């Protein structure tokens, strides 16, 4: 079982790739749709790790 501080740490760890990756994805594609897909994938991965 993970405690609350570890779960919050994992979410913060995923926040940096969400911000930087979102900017890079938007720059390469020029559209927000791939950014939303990228963000949803990151959220699902983060929730998968936290739910263990």
PDB file of N, CA and C in Angstrom:
ATOM      1  N   UNK A   1       0.836  -1.174   0.000  1.00  0.00           N
ATOM      2  CA  UNK A   1       0.000   0.000   0.000  1.00  0.00           C
ATOM      3  C   UNK A   1       0.885   1.243   0.000  1.00  0.00           C
ATOM      4  N   UNK A   2       0.573   2.160  -0.861  1.00  0.00           N
ATOM      5  CA  UNK A   2       1.307   3.426  -0.910  1.00  0.00           C
ATOM      6  C   UNK A   2       0.616   4.445  -0.017  1.00  0.00           C
ATOM      7  N   UNK A   3       1.429   5.243   0.649  1.00  0.00           N
ATOM      8  CA  UNK A   3       0.834   6.299   1.462  1.00  0.00           C
ATOM      9  C   UNK A   3       0.541   7.522   0.595  1.00  0.00           C
ATOM     10  N   UNK A   4      -0.118   8.499   1.188  1.00  0.00           N
ATOM     11  CA  UNK A   4      -0.578   9.664   0.447  1.00  0.00           C
ATOM     12  C   UNK A   4       0.572  10.480  -0.130  1.00  0.00           C
ATOM     13  N   UNK A   5       1.638  10.650   0.621  1.00  0.00           N
ATOM     14  CA  UNK A   5       2.751  11.469   0.129  1.00  0.00           C
ATOM     15  C   UNK A   5       3.414  10.825  -1.087  1.00  0.00           C
ATOM     16  N   UNK A   6       3.495   9.510  -1.116  1.00  0.00           N
ATOM     17  CA  UNK A   6       4.072   8.829  -2.281  1.00  0.00           C
ATOM     18  C   UNK A   6       3.174   8.992  -3.509  1.00  0.00           C
ATOM     19  N   UNK A   7       1.873   8.898  -3.323  1.00  0.00           N
ATOM     20  CA  UNK A   7       0.934   9.074  -4.434  1.00  0.00           C
ATOM     21  C   UNK A   7       1.021  10.498  -4.996  1.00  0.00           C
ATOM     22  N   UNK A   8       1.105  11.482  -4.115  1.00  0.00           N
ATOM     23  CA  UNK A   8       1.222  12.868  -4.574  1.00  0.00           C
ATOM     24  C   UNK A   8       2.549  13.087  -5.287  1.00  0.00           C
ATOM     25  N   UNK A   9       3.606  12.441  -4.820  1.00  0.00           N
ATOM     26  CA  UNK A   9       4.900  12.535  -5.473  1.00  0.00           C
ATOM     27  C   UNK A   9       4.867  11.980  -6.889  1.00  0.00           C
ATOM     28  N   UNK A  10       4.163  10.893  -7.079  1.00  0.00           N
ATOM     29  CA  UNK A  10       4.033  10.310  -8.417  1.00  0.00           C
ATOM     30  C   UNK A  10       3.265  11.261  -9.326  1.00  0.00           C
ATOM     31  N   UNK A  11       2.215  11.887  -8.818  1.00  0.00           N
ATOM     32  CA  UNK A  11       1.458  12.837  -9.634  1.00  0.00           C
ATOM     33  C   UNK A  11       2.303  14.042 -10.012  1.00  0.00           C
ATOM     34  N   UNK A  12       3.118  14.532  -9.094  1.00  0.00           N
ATOM     35  CA  UNK A  12       4.019  15.648  -9.402  1.00  0.00           C
ATOM     36  C   UNK A  12       5.050  15.212 -10.431  1.00  0.00           C
ATOM     37  N   UNK A  13       5.542  13.987 -10.292  1.00  0.00           N
ATOM     38  CA  UNK A  13       6.510  13.451 -11.251  1.00  0.00           C
ATOM     39  C   UNK A  13       5.929  13.402 -12.660  1.00  0.00           C
ATOM     40  N   UNK A  14       4.646  13.138 -12.787  1.00  0.00           N
ATOM     41  CA  UNK A  14       3.999  13.094 -14.096  1.00  0.00           C
ATOM     42  C   UNK A  14       3.575  14.478 -14.584  1.00  0.00           C
ATOM     43  N   UNK A  15       3.588  15.472 -13.718  1.00  0.00           N
ATOM     44  CA  UNK A  15       3.189  16.816 -14.127  1.00  0.00           C
ATOM     45  C   UNK A  15       4.215  17.450 -15.057  1.00  0.00           C
ATOM     46  N   UNK A  16       5.488  17.196 -14.814  1.00  0.00           N
ATOM     47  CA  UNK A  16       6.538  17.793 -15.653  1.00  0.00           C
ATOM     48  C   UNK A  16       6.448  17.277 -17.089  1.00  0.00           C
ATOM     49  N   UNK A  17       6.391  15.957 -17.328  1.00  0.00           N
ATOM     50  CA  UNK A  17       6.227  15.502 -18.717  1.00  0.00           C
ATOM     51  C   UNK A  17       4.916  15.964 -19.349  1.00  0.00           C
ATOM     52  N   UNK A  18       3.884  16.169 -18.529  1.00  0.00           N
ATOM     53  CA  UNK A  18       2.614  16.642 -19.073  1.00  0.00           C
ATOM     54  C   UNK A  18       2.762  18.049 -19.626  1.00  0.00           C
ATOM     55  N   UNK A  19       3.455  18.909 -18.906  1.00  0.00           N
ATOM     56  CA  UNK A  19       3.611  20.289 -19.354  1.00  0.00           C
ATOM     57  C   UNK A  19       4.562  20.366 -20.543  1.00  0.00           C
ATOM     58  N   UNK A  20       5.743  19.807 -20.386  1.00  0.00           N
ATOM     59  CA  UNK A  20       6.756  19.884 -21.447  1.00  0.00           C
ATOM     60  C   UNK A  20       6.305  19.097 -22.677  1.00  0.00           C
ATOM     61  N   UNK A  21       5.792  17.891 -22.468  1.00  0.00           N
ATOM     62  CA  UNK A  21       5.338  17.072 -23.584  1.00  0.00           C
ATOM     63  C   UNK A  21       4.152  17.677 -24.300  1.00  0.00           C
ATOM     64  N   UNK A  22       3.269  18.331 -23.553  1.00  0.00           N
ATOM     65  CA  UNK A  22       2.135  19.004 -24.181  1.00  0.00           C
ATOM     66  C   UNK A  22       2.574  20.132 -25.087  1.00  0.00           C
ATOM     67  N   UNK A  23       3.578  20.893 -24.640  1.00  0.00           N
ATOM     68  CA  UNK A  23       4.107  21.973 -25.471  1.00  0.00           C
ATOM     69  C   UNK A  23       4.762  21.425 -26.728  1.00  0.00           C
ATOM     70  N   UNK A  24       5.565  20.387 -26.562  1.00  0.00           N
ATOM     71  CA  UNK A  24       6.243  19.790 -27.726  1.00  0.00           C
ATOM     72  C   UNK A  24       5.226  19.191 -28.687  1.00  0.00           C
ATOM     73  N   UNK A  25       4.226  18.507 -28.156  1.00  0.00           N
ATOM     74  CA  UNK A  25       3.203  17.900 -29.011  1.00  0.00           C
ATOM     75  C   UNK A  25       2.438  18.961 -29.784  1.00  0.00           C
ATOM     76  N   UNK A  26       2.095  20.069 -29.128  1.00  0.00           N
ATOM     77  CA  UNK A  26       1.381  21.134 -29.824  1.00  0.00           C
ATOM     78  C   UNK A  26       2.267  21.785 -30.880  1.00  0.00           C
ATOM     79  N   UNK A  27       3.540  21.978 -30.563  1.00  0.00           N
ATOM     80  CA  UNK A  27       4.456  22.589 -31.527  1.00  0.00           C
ATOM     81  C   UNK A  27       4.609  21.722 -32.772  1.00  0.00           C
ATOM     82  N   UNK A  28       4.703  20.425 -32.588  1.00  0.00           N
ATOM     83  CA  UNK A  28       4.882  19.527 -33.730  1.00  0.00           C
ATOM     84  C   UNK A  28       3.599  19.347 -34.542  1.00  0.00           C
ATOM     85  N   UNK A  29       2.457  19.350 -33.875  1.00  0.00           N
ATOM     86  CA  UNK A  29       1.221  19.058 -34.595  1.00  0.00           C
ATOM     87  C   UNK A  29       0.437  20.321 -34.971  1.00  0.00           C
ATOM     88  N   UNK A  30       0.523  21.358 -34.160  1.00  0.00           N
ATOM     89  CA  UNK A  30      -0.229  22.575 -34.440  1.00  0.00           C
ATOM     90  C   UNK A  30      -1.698  22.468 -34.094  1.00  0.00           C
ATOM     91  N   UNK A  31      -2.073  21.429 -33.365  1.00  0.00           N
ATOM     92  CA  UNK A  31      -3.465  21.211 -33.007  1.00  0.00           C
ATOM     93  C   UNK A  31      -3.544  20.739 -31.558  1.00  0.00           C
ATOM     94  N   UNK A  32      -4.677  20.998 -30.928  1.00  0.00           N
ATOM     95  CA  UNK A  32      -4.833  20.584 -29.541  1.00  0.00           C
ATOM     96  C   UNK A  32      -5.282  19.130 -29.382  1.00  0.00           C
ATOM     97  N   UNK A  33      -5.788  18.519 -30.420  1.00  0.00           N
ATOM     98  CA  UNK A  33      -6.265  17.145 -30.321  1.00  0.00           C
ATOM     99  C   UNK A  33      -5.167  16.169 -29.906  1.00  0.00           C
ATOM    100  N   UNK A  34      -3.986  16.181 -30.540  1.00  0.00           N
ATOM    101  CA  UNK A  34      -2.930  15.278 -30.081  1.00  0.00           C
ATOM    102  C   UNK A  34      -2.454  15.591 -28.655  1.00  0.00           C
ATOM    103  N   UNK A  35      -2.550  16.846 -28.260  1.00  0.00           N
ATOM    104  CA  UNK A  35      -2.163  17.217 -26.899  1.00  0.00           C
ATOM    105  C   UNK A  35      -3.119  16.565 -25.900  1.00  0.00           C
ATOM    106  N   UNK A  36      -4.416  16.602 -26.183  1.00  0.00           N
ATOM    107  CA  UNK A  36      -5.390  15.975 -25.295  1.00  0.00           C
ATOM    108  C   UNK A  36      -5.178  14.467 -25.221  1.00  0.00           C
ATOM    109  N   UNK A  37      -4.869  13.847 -26.348  1.00  0.00           N
ATOM    110  CA  UNK A  37      -4.610  12.409 -26.360  1.00  0.00           C
ATOM    111  C   UNK A  37      -3.376  12.089 -25.515  1.00  0.00           C
ATOM    112  N   UNK A  38      -2.321  12.873 -25.677  1.00  0.00           N
ATOM    113  CA  UNK A  38      -1.095  12.692 -24.905  1.00  0.00           C
ATOM    114  C   UNK A  38      -1.363  12.854 -23.408  1.00  0.00           C
ATOM    115  N   UNK A  39      -2.128  13.868 -23.048  1.00  0.00           N
ATOM    116  CA  UNK A  39      -2.434  14.121 -21.643  1.00  0.00           C
ATOM    117  C   UNK A  39      -3.283  12.993 -21.051  1.00  0.00           C
ATOM    118  N   UNK A  40      -4.244  12.494 -21.810  1.00  0.00           N
ATOM    119  CA  UNK A  40      -5.090  11.402 -21.328  1.00  0.00           C
ATOM    120  C   UNK A  40      -4.266  10.146 -21.106  1.00  0.00           C
ATOM    121  N   UNK A  41      -3.342   9.869 -22.012  1.00  0.00           N
ATOM    122  CA  UNK A  41      -2.471   8.701 -21.842  1.00  0.00           C
ATOM    123  C   UNK A  41      -1.630   8.838 -20.575  1.00  0.00           C
ATOM    124  N   UNK A  42      -1.080  10.023 -20.342  1.00  0.00           N
ATOM    125  CA  UNK A  42      -0.296  10.244 -19.118  1.00  0.00           C
ATOM    126  C   UNK A  42      -1.148  10.072 -17.864  1.00  0.00           C
ATOM    127  N   UNK A  43      -2.361  10.574 -17.889  1.00  0.00           N
ATOM    128  CA  UNK A  43      -3.244  10.438 -16.732  1.00  0.00           C
ATOM    129  C   UNK A  43      -3.558   8.971 -16.471  1.00  0.00           C
ATOM    130  N   UNK A  44      -3.832   8.222 -17.521  1.00  0.00           N
ATOM    131  CA  UNK A  44      -4.136   6.796 -17.343  1.00  0.00           C
ATOM    132  C   UNK A  44      -2.942   6.031 -16.793  1.00  0.00           C
ATOM    133  N   UNK A  45      -1.749   6.338 -17.267  1.00  0.00           N
ATOM    134  CA  UNK A  45      -0.547   5.683 -16.751  1.00  0.00           C
ATOM    135  C   UNK A  45      -0.329   6.041 -15.280  1.00  0.00           C
ATOM    136  N   UNK A  46      -0.483   7.312 -14.951  1.00  0.00           N
ATOM    137  CA  UNK A  46      -0.310   7.747 -13.564  1.00  0.00           C
ATOM    138  C   UNK A  46      -1.330   7.085 -12.643  1.00  0.00           C
ATOM    139  N   UNK A  47      -2.577   7.030 -13.078  1.00  0.00           N
ATOM    140  CA  UNK A  47      -3.597   6.382 -12.261  1.00  0.00           C
ATOM    141  C   UNK A  47      -3.362   4.882 -12.135  1.00  0.00           C
ATOM    142  N   UNK A  48      -2.824   4.278 -13.188  1.00  0.00           N
ATOM    143  CA  UNK A  48      -2.479   2.866 -13.122  1.00  0.00           C
ATOM    144  C   UNK A  48      -1.384   2.590 -12.110  1.00  0.00           C
ATOM    145  N   UNK A  49      -0.412   3.472 -12.041  1.00  0.00           N
ATOM    146  CA  UNK A  49       0.667   3.300 -11.070  1.00  0.00           C
ATOM    147  C   UNK A  49       0.157   3.544  -9.654  1.00  0.00           C
ATOM    148  N   UNK A  50      -0.668   4.558  -9.499  1.00  0.00           N
ATOM    149  CA  UNK A  50      -1.176   4.880  -8.160  1.00  0.00           C
ATOM    150  C   UNK A  50      -2.120   3.814  -7.637  1.00  0.00           C
ATOM    151  N   UNK A  51      -2.878   3.181  -8.509  1.00  0.00           N
ATOM    152  CA  UNK A  51      -3.886   2.214  -8.066  1.00  0.00           C
ATOM    153  C   UNK A  51      -3.287   0.905  -7.573  1.00  0.00           C
ATOM    154  N   UNK A  52      -2.009   0.683  -7.820  1.00  0.00           N
ATOM    155  CA  UNK A  52      -1.379  -0.576  -7.350  1.00  0.00           C
ATOM    156  C   UNK A  52      -1.343  -0.650  -5.864  1.00  0.00           C
TER     157      UNK A  52
END
